[in-house]
Amino acid sequence: MDILYLMILCSVSLAAVFLGVFIIFARKGQFEDDESPAVRILFDSEESRDKEDQTGDHKTENERDNNKEKSE
């Protein structure tokens, strides 16, 4: 029975530590911007657009797919 009390004490202590860490980081603003990292992958980066402009490759995605099919 003593081990049960020890386990309850350990689990409550661990939960309190995690709650404290969460509150500290929430106050520092760690969780403020929760939408943009998930959406950022959907937009083209400026680097890929710059490379495309430098090479003069302004083909649409359908034209690129058609060229790949013809070459195969």
PDB file of N, CA and C in Angstrom:
ATOM      1  N   MET A   1       0.829  -1.195   0.000  1.00  0.00           N
ATOM      2  CA  MET A   1       0.000   0.000   0.000  1.00  0.00           C
ATOM      3  C   MET A   1       0.870   1.254   0.000  1.00  0.00           C
ATOM      4  N   ASP A   2       2.048   1.140   0.600  1.00  0.00           N
ATOM      5  CA  ASP A   2       2.937   2.297   0.641  1.00  0.00           C
ATOM      6  C   ASP A   2       3.415   2.694  -0.751  1.00  0.00           C
ATOM      7  N   ILE A   3       3.615   1.714  -1.622  1.00  0.00           N
ATOM      8  CA  ILE A   3       4.068   2.016  -2.971  1.00  0.00           C
ATOM      9  C   ILE A   3       3.002   2.792  -3.741  1.00  0.00           C
ATOM     10  N   LEU A   4       1.744   2.536  -3.446  1.00  0.00           N
ATOM     11  CA  LEU A   4       0.658   3.263  -4.087  1.00  0.00           C
ATOM     12  C   LEU A   4       0.723   4.747  -3.738  1.00  0.00           C
ATOM     13  N   TYR A   5       0.948   5.049  -2.481  1.00  0.00           N
ATOM     14  CA  TYR A   5       1.083   6.449  -2.064  1.00  0.00           C
ATOM     15  C   TYR A   5       2.300   7.106  -2.717  1.00  0.00           C
ATOM     16  N   LEU A   6       3.375   6.361  -2.821  1.00  0.00           N
ATOM     17  CA  LEU A   6       4.578   6.883  -3.458  1.00  0.00           C
ATOM     18  C   LEU A   6       4.329   7.172  -4.942  1.00  0.00           C
ATOM     19  N   MET A   7       3.651   6.273  -5.623  1.00  0.00           N
ATOM     20  CA  MET A   7       3.357   6.466  -7.043  1.00  0.00           C
ATOM     21  C   MET A   7       2.412   7.651  -7.266  1.00  0.00           C
ATOM     22  N   ILE A   8       1.424   7.810  -6.413  1.00  0.00           N
ATOM     23  CA  ILE A   8       0.522   8.961  -6.527  1.00  0.00           C
ATOM     24  C   ILE A   8       1.290  10.254  -6.306  1.00  0.00           C
ATOM     25  N   LEU A   9       2.153  10.278  -5.314  1.00  0.00           N
ATOM     26  CA  LEU A   9       2.960  11.459  -5.033  1.00  0.00           C
ATOM     27  C   LEU A   9       3.878  11.797  -6.217  1.00  0.00           C
ATOM     28  N   CYS A  10       4.501  10.788  -6.799  1.00  0.00           N
ATOM     29  CA  CYS A  10       5.385  11.007  -7.957  1.00  0.00           C
ATOM     30  C   CYS A  10       4.608  11.521  -9.165  1.00  0.00           C
ATOM     31  N   SER A  11       3.461  10.953  -9.431  1.00  0.00           N
ATOM     32  CA  SER A  11       2.695  11.369 -10.605  1.00  0.00           C
ATOM     33  C   SER A  11       2.133  12.781 -10.438  1.00  0.00           C
ATOM     34  N   VAL A  12       1.686  13.116  -9.253  1.00  0.00           N
ATOM     35  CA  VAL A  12       1.177  14.471  -9.022  1.00  0.00           C
ATOM     36  C   VAL A  12       2.322  15.477  -9.104  1.00  0.00           C
ATOM     37  N   SER A  13       3.488  15.113  -8.593  1.00  0.00           N
ATOM     38  CA  SER A  13       4.653  15.995  -8.670  1.00  0.00           C
ATOM     39  C   SER A  13       5.076  16.211 -10.119  1.00  0.00           C
ATOM     40  N   LEU A  14       5.109  15.166 -10.897  1.00  0.00           N
ATOM     41  CA  LEU A  14       5.479  15.273 -12.306  1.00  0.00           C
ATOM     42  C   LEU A  14       4.462  16.119 -13.085  1.00  0.00           C
ATOM     43  N   ALA A  15       3.202  15.935 -12.799  1.00  0.00           N
ATOM     44  CA  ALA A  15       2.158  16.736 -13.452  1.00  0.00           C
ATOM     45  C   ALA A  15       2.308  18.210 -13.076  1.00  0.00           C
ATOM     46  N   ALA A  16       2.641  18.502 -11.829  1.00  0.00           N
ATOM     47  CA  ALA A  16       2.832  19.888 -11.396  1.00  0.00           C
ATOM     48  C   ALA A  16       4.033  20.516 -12.104  1.00  0.00           C
ATOM     49  N   VAL A  17       5.098  19.744 -12.306  1.00  0.00           N
ATOM     50  CA  VAL A  17       6.273  20.253 -13.018  1.00  0.00           C
ATOM     51  C   VAL A  17       5.910  20.577 -14.463  1.00  0.00           C
ATOM     52  N   PHE A  18       5.212  19.684 -15.143  1.00  0.00           N
ATOM     53  CA  PHE A  18       4.810  19.937 -16.524  1.00  0.00           C
ATOM     54  C   PHE A  18       3.858  21.131 -16.619  1.00  0.00           C
ATOM     55  N   LEU A  19       2.955  21.273 -15.680  1.00  0.00           N
ATOM     56  CA  LEU A  19       2.049  22.419 -15.673  1.00  0.00           C
ATOM     57  C   LEU A  19       2.829  23.716 -15.477  1.00  0.00           C
ATOM     58  N   GLY A  20       3.795  23.700 -14.591  1.00  0.00           N
ATOM     59  CA  GLY A  20       4.627  24.878 -14.357  1.00  0.00           C
ATOM     60  C   GLY A  20       5.415  25.267 -15.596  1.00  0.00           C
ATOM     61  N   VAL A  21       6.009  24.287 -16.263  1.00  0.00           N
ATOM     62  CA  VAL A  21       6.769  24.558 -17.490  1.00  0.00           C
ATOM     63  C   VAL A  21       5.848  25.108 -18.572  1.00  0.00           C
ATOM     64  N   PHE A  22       4.663  24.542 -18.700  1.00  0.00           N
ATOM     65  CA  PHE A  22       3.706  25.033 -19.695  1.00  0.00           C
ATOM     66  C   PHE A  22       3.317  26.476 -19.417  1.00  0.00           C
ATOM     67  N   ILE A  23       3.038  26.813 -18.174  1.00  0.00           N
ATOM     68  CA  ILE A  23       2.637  28.176 -17.823  1.00  0.00           C
ATOM     69  C   ILE A  23       3.777  29.154 -18.093  1.00  0.00           C
ATOM     70  N   ILE A  24       5.001  28.771 -17.759  1.00  0.00           N
ATOM     71  CA  ILE A  24       6.150  29.642 -17.998  1.00  0.00           C
ATOM     72  C   ILE A  24       6.300  29.933 -19.485  1.00  0.00           C
ATOM     73  N   PHE A  25       6.249  28.903 -20.318  1.00  0.00           N
ATOM     74  CA  PHE A  25       6.428  29.114 -21.752  1.00  0.00           C
ATOM     75  C   PHE A  25       5.221  29.798 -22.389  1.00  0.00           C
ATOM     76  N   ALA A  26       4.042  29.596 -21.855  1.00  0.00           N
ATOM     77  CA  ALA A  26       2.863  30.293 -22.377  1.00  0.00           C
ATOM     78  C   ALA A  26       2.973  31.788 -22.107  1.00  0.00           C
ATOM     79  N   ARG A  27       3.507  32.161 -20.967  1.00  0.00           N
ATOM     80  CA  ARG A  27       3.692  33.584 -20.655  1.00  0.00           C
ATOM     81  C   ARG A  27       4.784  34.209 -21.508  1.00  0.00           C
ATOM     82  N   LYS A  28       5.786  33.432 -21.898  1.00  0.00           N
ATOM     83  CA  LYS A  28       6.863  33.956 -22.735  1.00  0.00           C
ATOM     84  C   LYS A  28       6.436  34.088 -24.194  1.00  0.00           C
ATOM     85  N   GLY A  29       5.267  33.571 -24.562  1.00  0.00           N
ATOM     86  CA  GLY A  29       4.766  33.713 -25.930  1.00  0.00           C
ATOM     87  C   GLY A  29       5.150  32.566 -26.839  1.00  0.00           C
ATOM     88  N   GLN A  30       5.507  31.436 -26.306  1.00  0.00           N
ATOM     89  CA  GLN A  30       5.923  30.296 -27.114  1.00  0.00           C
ATOM     90  C   GLN A  30       4.792  29.784 -28.008  1.00  0.00           C
ATOM     91  N   PHE A  31       3.560  29.914 -27.565  1.00  0.00           N
ATOM     92  CA  PHE A  31       2.428  29.327 -28.281  1.00  0.00           C
ATOM     93  C   PHE A  31       1.552  30.379 -28.954  1.00  0.00           C
ATOM     94  N   GLU A  32       2.091  31.555 -29.237  1.00  0.00           N
ATOM     95  CA  GLU A  32       1.307  32.635 -29.812  1.00  0.00           C
ATOM     96  C   GLU A  32       0.919  32.373 -31.258  1.00  0.00           C
ATOM     97  N   ASP A  33       1.865  31.989 -32.084  1.00  0.00           N
ATOM     98  CA  ASP A  33       1.619  31.829 -33.517  1.00  0.00           C
ATOM     99  C   ASP A  33       1.428  30.354 -33.831  1.00  0.00           C
ATOM    100  N   ASP A  34       0.204  29.893 -33.764  1.00  0.00           N
ATOM    101  CA  ASP A  34      -0.046  28.467 -33.957  1.00  0.00           C
ATOM    102  C   ASP A  34      -0.556  28.123 -35.354  1.00  0.00           C
ATOM    103  N   GLU A  35      -0.819  29.125 -36.193  1.00  0.00           N
ATOM    104  CA  GLU A  35      -1.366  28.826 -37.514  1.00  0.00           C
ATOM    105  C   GLU A  35      -0.325  28.873 -38.619  1.00  0.00           C
ATOM    106  N   SER A  36       0.565  29.837 -38.593  1.00  0.00           N
ATOM    107  CA  SER A  36       1.451  30.019 -39.736  1.00  0.00           C
ATOM    108  C   SER A  36       2.434  28.877 -39.979  1.00  0.00           C
ATOM    109  N   PRO A  37       2.980  28.185 -38.973  1.00  0.00           N
ATOM    110  CA  PRO A  37       3.865  27.073 -39.318  1.00  0.00           C
ATOM    111  C   PRO A  37       3.156  25.962 -40.097  1.00  0.00           C
ATOM    112  N   ALA A  38       1.899  25.743 -39.813  1.00  0.00           N
ATOM    113  CA  ALA A  38       1.162  24.697 -40.520  1.00  0.00           C
ATOM    114  C   ALA A  38       0.797  25.128 -41.938  1.00  0.00           C
ATOM    115  N   VAL A  39       0.651  26.419 -42.167  1.00  0.00           N
ATOM    116  CA  VAL A  39       0.232  26.918 -43.465  1.00  0.00           C
ATOM    117  C   VAL A  39       1.438  27.304 -44.317  1.00  0.00           C
ATOM    118  N   ARG A  40       2.581  27.548 -43.707  1.00  0.00           N
ATOM    119  CA  ARG A  40       3.767  28.017 -44.417  1.00  0.00           C
ATOM    120  C   ARG A  40       4.193  27.065 -45.522  1.00  0.00           C
ATOM    121  N   ILE A  41       3.993  25.784 -45.344  1.00  0.00           N
ATOM    122  CA  ILE A  41       4.417  24.789 -46.332  1.00  0.00           C
ATOM    123  C   ILE A  41       3.612  24.912 -47.628  1.00  0.00           C
ATOM    124  N   LEU A  42       2.430  25.509 -47.565  1.00  0.00           N
ATOM    125  CA  LEU A  42       1.564  25.604 -48.729  1.00  0.00           C
ATOM    126  C   LEU A  42       1.977  26.704 -49.702  1.00  0.00           C
ATOM    127  N   PHE A  43       2.818  27.628 -49.271  1.00  0.00           N
ATOM    128  CA  PHE A  43       3.211  28.746 -50.109  1.00  0.00           C
ATOM    129  C   PHE A  43       4.588  28.513 -50.700  1.00  0.00           C
ATOM    130  N   ASP A  44       4.799  29.013 -51.926  1.00  0.00           N
ATOM    131  CA  ASP A  44       6.104  28.920 -52.563  1.00  0.00           C
ATOM    132  C   ASP A  44       7.080  29.832 -51.854  1.00  0.00           C
ATOM    133  N   SER A  45       8.291  29.393 -51.733  1.00  0.00           N
ATOM    134  CA  SER A  45       9.302  30.247 -51.130  1.00  0.00           C
ATOM    135  C   SER A  45       9.830  31.213 -52.176  1.00  0.00           C
ATOM    136  N   GLU A  46      10.401  32.299 -51.730  1.00  0.00           N
ATOM    137  CA  GLU A  46      10.949  33.304 -52.640  1.00  0.00           C
ATOM    138  C   GLU A  46      12.146  32.741 -53.399  1.00  0.00           C
ATOM    139  N   GLU A  47      12.916  31.860 -52.782  1.00  0.00           N
ATOM    140  CA  GLU A  47      14.099  31.297 -53.427  1.00  0.00           C
ATOM    141  C   GLU A  47      13.724  30.500 -54.670  1.00  0.00           C
ATOM    142  N   SER A  48      12.669  29.702 -54.591  1.00  0.00           N
ATOM    143  CA  SER A  48      12.283  28.892 -55.752  1.00  0.00           C
ATOM    144  C   SER A  48      11.751  29.773 -56.877  1.00  0.00           C
ATOM    145  N   ARG A  49      11.070  30.865 -56.534  1.00  0.00           N
ATOM    146  CA  ARG A  49      10.585  31.790 -57.561  1.00  0.00           C
ATOM    147  C   ARG A  49      11.749  32.508 -58.220  1.00  0.00           C
ATOM    148  N   ASP A  50      12.740  32.904 -57.431  1.00  0.00           N
ATOM    149  CA  ASP A  50      13.903  33.594 -57.986  1.00  0.00           C
ATOM    150  C   ASP A  50      14.669  32.685 -58.941  1.00  0.00           C
ATOM    151  N   LYS A  51      14.865  31.431 -58.569  1.00  0.00           N
ATOM    152  CA  LYS A  51      15.569  30.485 -59.437  1.00  0.00           C
ATOM    153  C   LYS A  51      14.805  30.283 -60.738  1.00  0.00           C
ATOM    154  N   GLU A  52      13.481  30.215 -60.640  1.00  0.00           N
ATOM    155  CA  GLU A  52      12.650  30.014 -61.823  1.00  0.00           C
ATOM    156  C   GLU A  52      12.732  31.225 -62.740  1.00  0.00           C
ATOM    157  N   ASP A  53      12.755  32.422 -62.182  1.00  0.00           N
ATOM    158  CA  ASP A  53      12.859  33.637 -62.981  1.00  0.00           C
ATOM    159  C   ASP A  53      14.221  33.750 -63.659  1.00  0.00           C
ATOM    160  N   GLN A  54      15.266  33.326 -62.980  1.00  0.00           N
ATOM    161  CA  GLN A  54      16.604  33.418 -63.547  1.00  0.00           C
ATOM    162  C   GLN A  54      16.793  32.459 -64.712  1.00  0.00           C
ATOM    163  N   THR A  55      16.189  31.294 -64.629  1.00  0.00           N
ATOM    164  CA  THR A  55      16.339  30.321 -65.704  1.00  0.00           C
ATOM    165  C   THR A  55      15.386  30.597 -66.861  1.00  0.00           C
ATOM    166  N   GLY A  56      14.402  31.442 -66.628  1.00  0.00           N
ATOM    167  CA  GLY A  56      13.450  31.759 -67.686  1.00  0.00           C
ATOM    168  C   GLY A  56      12.410  30.678 -67.870  1.00  0.00           C
ATOM    169  N   ASP A  57      12.282  29.799 -66.920  1.00  0.00           N
ATOM    170  CA  ASP A  57      11.336  28.688 -67.000  1.00  0.00           C
ATOM    171  C   ASP A  57       9.991  29.146 -66.441  1.00  0.00           C
ATOM    172  N   HIS A  58       9.097  29.572 -67.329  1.00  0.00           N
ATOM    173  CA  HIS A  58       7.802  30.074 -66.890  1.00  0.00           C
ATOM    174  C   HIS A  58       6.679  29.125 -67.304  1.00  0.00           C
ATOM    175  N   LYS A  59       6.982  27.870 -67.460  1.00  0.00           N
ATOM    176  CA  LYS A  59       5.983  26.900 -67.885  1.00  0.00           C
ATOM    177  C   LYS A  59       5.055  26.578 -66.725  1.00  0.00           C
ATOM    178  N   THR A  60       3.835  26.262 -67.063  1.00  0.00           N
ATOM    179  CA  THR A  60       2.892  25.853 -66.036  1.00  0.00           C
ATOM    180  C   THR A  60       3.152  24.398 -65.677  1.00  0.00           C
ATOM    181  N   GLU A  61       2.535  23.974 -64.625  1.00  0.00           N
ATOM    182  CA  GLU A  61       2.743  22.599 -64.164  1.00  0.00           C
ATOM    183  C   GLU A  61       2.236  21.593 -65.193  1.00  0.00           C
ATOM    184  N   ASN A  62       1.136  21.907 -65.874  1.00  0.00           N
ATOM    185  CA  ASN A  62       0.608  21.001 -66.892  1.00  0.00           C
ATOM    186  C   ASN A  62       1.573  20.860 -68.063  1.00  0.00           C
ATOM    187  N   GLU A  63       2.199  21.975 -68.480  1.00  0.00           N
ATOM    188  CA  GLU A  63       3.162  21.902 -69.576  1.00  0.00           C
ATOM    189  C   GLU A  63       4.368  21.060 -69.199  1.00  0.00           C
ATOM    190  N   ARG A  64       4.814  21.178 -67.948  1.00  0.00           N
ATOM    191  CA  ARG A  64       5.954  20.368 -67.493  1.00  0.00           C
ATOM    192  C   ARG A  64       5.589  18.884 -67.508  1.00  0.00           C
ATOM    193  N   ASP A  65       4.369  18.553 -67.060  1.00  0.00           N
ATOM    194  CA  ASP A  65       3.928  17.153 -67.057  1.00  0.00           C
ATOM    195  C   ASP A  65       3.819  16.611 -68.471  1.00  0.00           C
ATOM    196  N   ASN A  66       3.314  17.435 -69.393  1.00  0.00           N
ATOM    197  CA  ASN A  66       3.213  17.001 -70.786  1.00  0.00           C
ATOM    198  C   ASN A  66       4.575  16.739 -71.390  1.00  0.00           C
ATOM    199  N   ASN A  67       5.563  17.590 -71.074  1.00  0.00           N
ATOM    200  CA  ASN A  67       6.916  17.396 -71.583  1.00  0.00           C
ATOM    201  C   ASN A  67       7.533  16.116 -71.032  1.00  0.00           C
ATOM    202  N   LYS A  68       7.263  15.806 -69.784  1.00  0.00           N
ATOM    203  CA  LYS A  68       7.793  14.574 -69.173  1.00  0.00           C
ATOM    204  C   LYS A  68       7.189  13.348 -69.856  1.00  0.00           C
ATOM    205  N   GLU A  69       5.882  13.411 -70.151  1.00  0.00           N
ATOM    206  CA  GLU A  69       5.222  12.277 -70.795  1.00  0.00           C
ATOM    207  C   GLU A  69       5.752  12.065 -72.205  1.00  0.00           C
ATOM    208  N   LYS A  70       6.021  13.151 -72.927  1.00  0.00           N
ATOM    209  CA  LYS A  70       6.521  13.045 -74.288  1.00  0.00           C
ATOM    210  C   LYS A  70       7.931  12.462 -74.310  1.00  0.00           C
ATOM    211  N   SER A  71       8.723  12.829 -73.323  1.00  0.00           N
ATOM    212  CA  SER A  71      10.113  12.358 -73.309  1.00  0.00           C
ATOM    213  C   SER A  71      10.208  10.873 -72.933  1.00  0.00           C
ATOM    214  N   GLU A  72       9.209  10.350 -72.290  1.00  0.00           N
ATOM    215  CA  GLU A  72       9.217   8.933 -71.885  1.00  0.00           C
ATOM    216  C   GLU A  72       8.726   8.110 -72.987  1.00  0.00           C
TER     217      GLU A  72
END
